[in-house]
Amino acid sequence: MNRFYALGLLAFALTLTSCFHIRVEKIPIYWLYPWNRDARKMARAVIEEDIELIDELVQSGRVDVNMTARDTFTRFLWIATVIEKKKSFVKLLDLGADIYWGEYSHSPVYTAAGYYAEVTGDLYYLEEALKRGLDPNYRLTFRNNRPIFFPLRSTMSGYAVKGNMPDNYLAKLKLMISYGADLSLPSRAPSESFPSGSGTTVVLDAAMRAYYNAVYYLLSEFEGIQYKDYKTLNVKTNEYDYLDASVMNEVERVANSDNWWVNLARVQEFTYPWFLKTIEWLESRGEVLDIPEDLSRILTIGRDKMDYIEHYKIDKHGNITPIE
């Protein structure tokens, strides 16, 4: 009798174990929410885009729209974002889901403004969030506190899942400007020594990525945009912190390069015409550039590396991380 009882307990335990790891579209909802049936219903509703059930669970108070899973860094909005459930994403935002919450690999705002907008060329998540009040000048709590309208992602060759990184970024930038992105914001967040922030502006950041279509757009469309003479007053020492950085420096670096490197590799068919236009614009403003007469040589430097862009990987514990 005891033998059959033991075998029964073992079978029951194995059944529970298999249920515990059940996944819905690769999301291990039983692992993430082991003791909360309503939370599992919510996760499934998000995955299946059952908008009515999502609304019912949140409005009734049975599930907190910002509930954190057992791993401490997964939330329903992140699930909707990472597996591209657009209807659920919008519904969760409408119900008060916090798009700003999360760090690097589990940040909905970073994924929307970085990965989707720039790497996949899909502005849907970013635009829907902006419609619902996303601050276009929000600074990430990681990645050196960059404002989200700055370039956030990159690939070695400049190619993306759809199109190329420079074109995708420019489309994102124009969208964010239409929602009030402040082009004068510095790259570094305010600090005790620099209450207004410090560093460079978006036009130089774009030049550092060799996104010369965006560089030329910013220079030619926005009168007075700062592209050189970066200095910031240190309120503690009452002295200026000078940066030896400018768009001219970046242009010269690319023009005089004699080997393959990341930024040079991106100045290819995507941005070469805009690179030339940027030079023309700078010279028309009286800037003196140290560059060779024949710039076509930079297109002949071959790419000996390429990207292999995938979307995301999910480990056995349900941790979801982007892959470039």
Protein backbone atom coordinates (compact mmCIF):
# COMPACT_ATOMS: atom_id res chain seq x y z
CA MET A 1 0.00 0.00 0.00
CA ASN A 2 2.80 2.35 0.95
CA ARG A 3 4.51 1.56 -2.33
CA PHE A 4 1.47 2.54 -4.40
CA TYR A 5 1.02 5.66 -2.24
CA ALA A 6 4.60 6.71 -2.90
CA LEU A 7 4.24 6.12 -6.64
CA GLY A 8 1.06 8.21 -6.60
CA LEU A 9 2.80 11.07 -4.83
CA LEU A 10 5.66 10.92 -7.33
CA ALA A 11 3.26 11.05 -10.27
CA PHE A 12 1.43 13.99 -8.70
CA ALA A 13 4.72 15.84 -8.12
CA LEU A 14 5.80 15.26 -11.72
CA THR A 15 2.47 16.61 -12.94
CA LEU A 16 2.86 19.74 -10.81
CA THR A 17 6.42 20.21 -12.07
CA SER A 18 5.35 19.99 -15.70
CA CYS A 19 2.54 22.49 -15.08
CA PHE A 20 4.94 24.80 -13.30
CA HIS A 21 6.99 25.21 -16.47
CA ILE A 22 4.10 25.55 -18.91
CA ARG A 23 4.83 28.34 -21.34
CA VAL A 24 2.52 30.41 -23.47
CA GLU A 25 4.37 31.70 -26.53
CA LYS A 26 7.64 30.96 -24.71
CA ILE A 27 6.65 33.02 -21.65
CA PRO A 28 6.83 30.78 -18.53
CA ILE A 29 3.74 32.24 -16.86
CA TYR A 30 3.58 29.57 -14.13
CA TRP A 31 7.19 30.24 -13.20
CA LEU A 32 6.67 34.00 -13.16
CA TYR A 33 3.41 33.93 -11.15
CA PRO A 34 3.45 30.59 -9.28
CA TRP A 35 0.97 31.37 -6.48
CA ASN A 36 -1.33 33.94 -8.10
CA ARG A 37 -4.03 32.55 -10.38
CA ASP A 38 -5.33 35.98 -11.39
CA ALA A 39 -1.83 37.13 -12.33
CA ARG A 40 -1.46 34.05 -14.55
CA LYS A 41 -4.81 34.86 -16.15
CA MET A 42 -3.58 38.39 -16.72
CA ALA A 43 -0.32 37.21 -18.31
CA ARG A 44 -2.23 34.85 -20.59
CA ALA A 45 -4.70 37.61 -21.49
CA VAL A 46 -1.78 39.90 -22.40
CA ILE A 47 -0.22 37.21 -24.56
CA GLU A 48 -3.52 36.35 -26.25
CA GLU A 49 -4.50 40.03 -26.52
CA ASP A 50 -7.76 39.43 -24.67
CA ILE A 51 -8.43 43.13 -24.10
CA GLU A 52 -11.74 42.62 -22.28
CA LEU A 53 -10.20 40.25 -19.75
CA ILE A 54 -7.24 42.58 -19.16
CA ASP A 55 -9.68 45.41 -18.48
CA GLU A 56 -11.82 43.26 -16.17
CA LEU A 57 -8.89 41.98 -14.09
CA VAL A 58 -7.42 45.46 -13.57
CA GLN A 59 -10.65 47.43 -13.13
CA SER A 60 -11.95 44.92 -10.58
CA GLY A 61 -8.78 45.31 -8.52
CA ARG A 62 -7.92 41.62 -8.79
CA VAL A 63 -4.63 42.42 -10.52
CA ASP A 64 -2.35 45.44 -10.19
CA VAL A 65 -1.44 46.56 -13.71
CA ASN A 66 2.11 47.22 -12.44
CA MET A 67 2.50 43.94 -10.56
CA THR A 68 6.04 42.60 -10.61
CA ALA A 69 6.67 38.90 -11.20
CA ARG A 70 8.72 36.66 -8.91
CA ASP A 71 11.89 37.48 -10.87
CA THR A 72 11.50 41.12 -9.67
CA PHE A 73 11.97 42.62 -13.12
CA THR A 74 9.14 41.36 -15.32
CA ARG A 75 5.81 43.18 -15.60
CA PHE A 76 2.82 42.77 -17.89
CA LEU A 77 3.78 45.77 -20.04
CA TRP A 78 7.21 44.28 -20.61
CA ILE A 79 5.67 40.98 -21.71
CA ALA A 80 3.40 42.82 -24.15
CA THR A 81 6.34 44.82 -25.49
CA VAL A 82 8.89 42.06 -25.89
CA ILE A 83 6.60 39.65 -27.76
CA GLU A 84 4.97 42.41 -29.84
CA LYS A 85 1.42 42.29 -28.53
CA LYS A 86 0.42 45.74 -29.71
CA LYS A 87 -3.22 45.69 -28.58
CA SER A 88 -2.20 44.60 -25.09
CA PHE A 89 0.56 47.21 -25.02
CA VAL A 90 -1.88 50.04 -25.72
CA LYS A 91 -4.51 48.69 -23.32
CA LEU A 92 -2.01 48.39 -20.48
CA LEU A 93 -0.82 51.96 -21.05
CA ASP A 94 -4.44 53.14 -20.95
CA LEU A 95 -4.87 51.32 -17.64
CA GLY A 96 -1.86 53.08 -16.11
CA ALA A 97 1.04 50.73 -16.78
CA ASP A 98 4.36 52.44 -16.00
CA ILE A 99 6.41 52.55 -19.20
CA TYR A 100 9.37 54.13 -17.39
CA TRP A 101 9.88 51.25 -14.97
CA GLY A 102 12.66 48.73 -15.49
CA GLU A 103 16.34 48.47 -16.22
CA TYR A 104 18.23 47.91 -19.49
CA SER A 105 17.03 44.44 -20.59
CA HIS A 106 13.51 44.83 -19.16
CA SER A 107 12.72 48.47 -19.92
CA PRO A 108 9.60 49.11 -22.06
CA VAL A 109 10.60 52.72 -22.81
CA TYR A 110 14.10 51.69 -23.92
CA THR A 111 12.72 48.86 -26.03
CA ALA A 112 10.13 51.14 -27.65
CA ALA A 113 12.48 54.08 -28.34
CA GLY A 114 15.61 52.02 -28.96
CA TYR A 115 15.09 48.51 -30.23
CA TYR A 116 11.78 48.84 -32.07
CA ALA A 117 12.16 52.40 -33.35
CA GLU A 118 15.78 52.07 -34.43
CA VAL A 119 16.62 48.40 -35.04
CA THR A 120 13.31 47.08 -36.37
CA GLY A 121 12.12 50.36 -37.87
CA ASP A 122 8.76 50.07 -36.08
CA LEU A 123 7.58 53.35 -34.51
CA TYR A 124 4.28 51.94 -33.27
CA TYR A 125 5.23 51.44 -29.61
CA LEU A 126 6.99 54.78 -29.32
CA GLU A 127 4.22 56.73 -31.06
CA GLU A 128 1.41 55.13 -29.05
CA ALA A 129 3.30 55.88 -25.84
CA LEU A 130 3.87 59.49 -26.91
CA LYS A 131 0.15 59.84 -27.64
CA ARG A 132 -0.48 58.75 -24.05
CA GLY A 133 1.90 61.20 -22.44
CA LEU A 134 5.37 59.66 -22.70
CA ASP A 135 7.85 62.47 -21.99
CA PRO A 136 9.93 62.92 -25.19
CA ASN A 137 12.73 64.34 -23.05
CA TYR A 138 12.80 61.46 -20.57
CA ARG A 139 16.28 60.28 -19.61
CA LEU A 140 17.02 56.60 -19.21
CA THR A 141 18.19 55.56 -15.76
CA PHE A 142 21.02 53.65 -17.48
CA ARG A 143 23.03 54.15 -20.67
CA ASN A 144 24.59 57.29 -19.14
CA ASN A 145 21.12 58.80 -18.60
CA ARG A 146 20.74 59.59 -22.31
CA PRO A 147 17.54 61.39 -23.36
CA ILE A 148 15.42 58.93 -25.31
CA PHE A 149 15.42 61.06 -28.47
CA PHE A 150 19.21 60.54 -28.75
CA PRO A 151 20.47 57.49 -30.71
CA LEU A 152 20.11 54.57 -28.30
CA ARG A 153 21.07 51.49 -30.30
CA SER A 154 23.63 50.63 -32.96
CA THR A 155 24.75 47.77 -35.14
CA MET A 156 28.22 47.20 -36.54
CA SER A 157 27.30 47.59 -40.20
CA GLY A 158 24.45 50.06 -39.97
CA TYR A 159 21.95 47.52 -41.27
CA ALA A 160 18.80 46.88 -39.25
CA VAL A 161 16.00 44.33 -39.15
CA LYS A 162 14.17 46.63 -41.54
CA GLY A 163 16.10 49.15 -43.63
CA ASN A 164 19.12 50.74 -41.97
CA MET A 165 19.90 52.37 -38.66
CA PRO A 166 20.43 55.97 -39.93
CA ASP A 167 17.07 56.11 -41.73
CA ASN A 168 15.24 54.44 -38.84
CA TYR A 169 16.80 56.84 -36.37
CA LEU A 170 15.92 59.92 -38.41
CA ALA A 171 12.27 58.82 -38.59
CA LYS A 172 12.28 58.36 -34.81
CA LEU A 173 13.93 61.75 -34.26
CA LYS A 174 11.37 63.57 -36.41
CA LEU A 175 8.53 61.88 -34.52
CA MET A 176 9.97 62.87 -31.15
CA ILE A 177 10.59 66.45 -32.26
CA SER A 178 6.92 66.63 -33.27
CA TYR A 179 6.06 65.75 -29.66
CA GLY A 180 8.35 68.39 -28.17
CA ALA A 181 11.83 66.89 -27.87
CA ASP A 182 14.17 69.65 -26.63
CA LEU A 183 17.20 69.67 -28.93
CA SER A 184 19.19 71.79 -26.51
CA LEU A 185 19.26 69.07 -23.84
CA PRO A 186 22.80 67.93 -22.99
CA SER A 187 23.75 64.26 -23.12
CA ARG A 188 24.54 63.99 -19.40
CA ALA A 189 21.88 64.35 -16.75
CA PRO A 190 21.94 67.16 -14.15
CA SER A 191 24.28 66.59 -11.23
CA GLU A 192 25.43 68.44 -8.13
CA SER A 193 28.30 70.10 -10.01
CA PHE A 194 26.30 70.65 -13.21
CA PRO A 195 22.67 71.42 -12.24
CA SER A 196 21.61 71.91 -15.87
CA GLY A 197 23.42 68.84 -17.12
CA SER A 198 26.59 68.65 -19.19
CA GLY A 199 28.11 67.04 -22.26
CA THR A 200 27.08 67.41 -25.87
CA THR A 201 23.84 67.70 -27.83
CA VAL A 202 21.94 65.33 -30.08
CA VAL A 203 23.53 66.59 -33.31
CA LEU A 204 27.03 65.65 -32.12
CA ASP A 205 25.79 62.36 -30.73
CA ALA A 206 24.34 61.56 -34.17
CA ALA A 207 27.66 62.49 -35.78
CA MET A 208 29.48 60.14 -33.42
CA ARG A 209 27.21 57.35 -34.71
CA ALA A 210 27.83 58.56 -38.30
CA TYR A 211 24.11 59.18 -38.80
CA TYR A 212 24.84 62.04 -41.18
CA ASN A 213 21.31 62.14 -42.56
CA ALA A 214 20.18 63.16 -39.06
CA VAL A 215 23.17 65.48 -38.62
CA TYR A 216 22.39 67.38 -41.82
CA TYR A 217 18.68 67.50 -41.00
CA LEU A 218 19.37 69.04 -37.60
CA LEU A 219 21.96 71.52 -38.86
CA SER A 220 19.90 72.70 -41.82
CA GLU A 221 16.45 72.76 -40.19
CA PHE A 222 17.16 74.24 -36.75
CA GLU A 223 18.84 77.60 -36.75
CA GLY A 224 21.43 78.04 -34.03
CA ILE A 225 21.66 74.39 -33.00
CA GLN A 226 24.86 73.82 -31.04
CA TYR A 227 27.40 71.69 -32.89
CA LYS A 228 30.64 72.95 -31.29
CA ASP A 229 32.03 74.95 -28.35
CA TYR A 230 30.75 72.64 -25.63
CA LYS A 231 31.42 74.07 -22.22
CA THR A 232 29.57 73.77 -18.91
CA LEU A 233 29.90 75.83 -15.73
CA ASN A 234 30.91 73.77 -12.71
CA VAL A 235 29.00 75.48 -9.88
CA LYS A 236 31.33 73.98 -7.25
CA THR A 237 34.55 75.40 -8.72
CA ASN A 238 32.97 78.27 -10.68
CA GLU A 239 35.06 77.16 -13.66
CA TYR A 240 34.02 75.97 -17.10
CA ASP A 241 34.41 72.37 -18.17
CA TYR A 242 35.47 72.45 -21.86
CA LEU A 243 34.97 69.52 -24.23
CA ASP A 244 37.20 69.13 -27.27
CA ALA A 245 34.28 67.84 -29.29
CA SER A 246 32.48 69.06 -32.38
CA VAL A 247 30.79 67.85 -35.54
CA MET A 248 33.90 69.02 -37.41
CA ASN A 249 36.09 66.66 -35.36
CA GLU A 250 33.85 63.73 -36.21
CA VAL A 251 33.77 64.60 -39.92
CA GLU A 252 37.56 64.85 -40.05
CA ARG A 253 37.95 61.57 -38.21
CA VAL A 254 35.88 59.72 -40.80
CA ALA A 255 37.35 61.54 -43.81
CA ASN A 256 40.94 60.75 -42.81
CA SER A 257 40.46 57.19 -41.63
CA ASP A 258 42.51 54.58 -43.47
CA ASN A 259 41.05 51.37 -42.08
CA TRP A 260 37.72 49.71 -41.33
CA TRP A 261 36.05 50.78 -38.11
CA VAL A 262 32.53 51.09 -36.82
CA ASN A 263 31.65 54.68 -37.74
CA LEU A 264 33.48 54.56 -41.05
CA ALA A 265 31.65 51.38 -41.98
CA ARG A 266 28.34 53.19 -41.55
CA VAL A 267 29.29 56.01 -43.92
CA GLN A 268 28.38 53.94 -46.92
CA GLU A 269 25.45 54.10 -49.29
CA PHE A 270 23.10 55.05 -46.41
CA THR A 271 24.74 58.28 -45.40
CA TYR A 272 27.54 59.14 -47.83
CA PRO A 273 25.48 61.80 -49.69
CA TRP A 274 24.49 63.34 -46.34
CA PHE A 275 28.12 63.22 -45.21
CA LEU A 276 29.03 65.37 -48.23
CA LYS A 277 26.12 67.73 -47.57
CA THR A 278 27.23 68.10 -43.95
CA ILE A 279 30.70 69.11 -45.12
CA GLU A 280 29.18 71.66 -47.51
CA TRP A 281 27.00 73.07 -44.74
CA LEU A 282 29.93 73.42 -42.34
CA GLU A 283 32.15 75.07 -44.94
CA SER A 284 29.34 77.49 -45.84
CA ARG A 285 29.43 78.59 -42.19
CA GLY A 286 33.14 79.35 -42.41
CA GLU A 287 34.37 76.17 -40.72
CA VAL A 288 37.80 75.04 -41.94
CA LEU A 289 38.04 71.26 -42.28
CA ASP A 290 41.14 69.11 -42.64
CA ILE A 291 39.88 66.56 -45.15
CA PRO A 292 41.22 65.03 -48.40
CA GLU A 293 39.92 66.29 -51.73
CA ASP A 294 38.71 62.83 -52.81
CA LEU A 295 36.35 61.39 -50.22
CA SER A 296 35.05 58.56 -52.39
CA ARG A 297 37.84 56.34 -51.03
CA ILE A 298 35.91 55.85 -47.78
CA LEU A 299 33.33 53.85 -49.71
CA THR A 300 35.95 51.38 -50.92
CA ILE A 301 37.01 50.30 -47.45
CA GLY A 302 35.32 46.93 -47.13
CA ARG A 303 33.25 45.70 -44.23
CA ASP A 304 34.94 42.66 -42.76
CA LYS A 305 32.23 42.27 -40.12
CA MET A 306 28.48 42.03 -40.28
CA ASP A 307 25.65 41.82 -37.80
CA TYR A 308 23.42 38.93 -37.05
CA ILE A 309 20.35 40.55 -35.60
CA GLU A 310 17.88 38.41 -33.71
CA HIS A 311 15.01 39.55 -31.60
CA TYR A 312 15.21 38.12 -28.09
CA LYS A 313 16.32 35.06 -26.19
CA ILE A 314 14.53 33.62 -23.18
CA ASP A 315 16.40 31.42 -20.72
CA LYS A 316 14.95 28.56 -18.67
CA HIS A 317 13.97 30.95 -15.88
CA GLY A 318 12.05 33.26 -18.18
CA ASN A 319 14.68 35.99 -18.34
CA ILE A 320 14.25 37.81 -21.64
CA THR A 321 17.23 39.63 -23.13
CA PRO A 322 17.69 41.40 -26.49
CA ILE A 323 20.33 40.20 -28.89
CA GLU A 324 22.25 42.29 -31.38
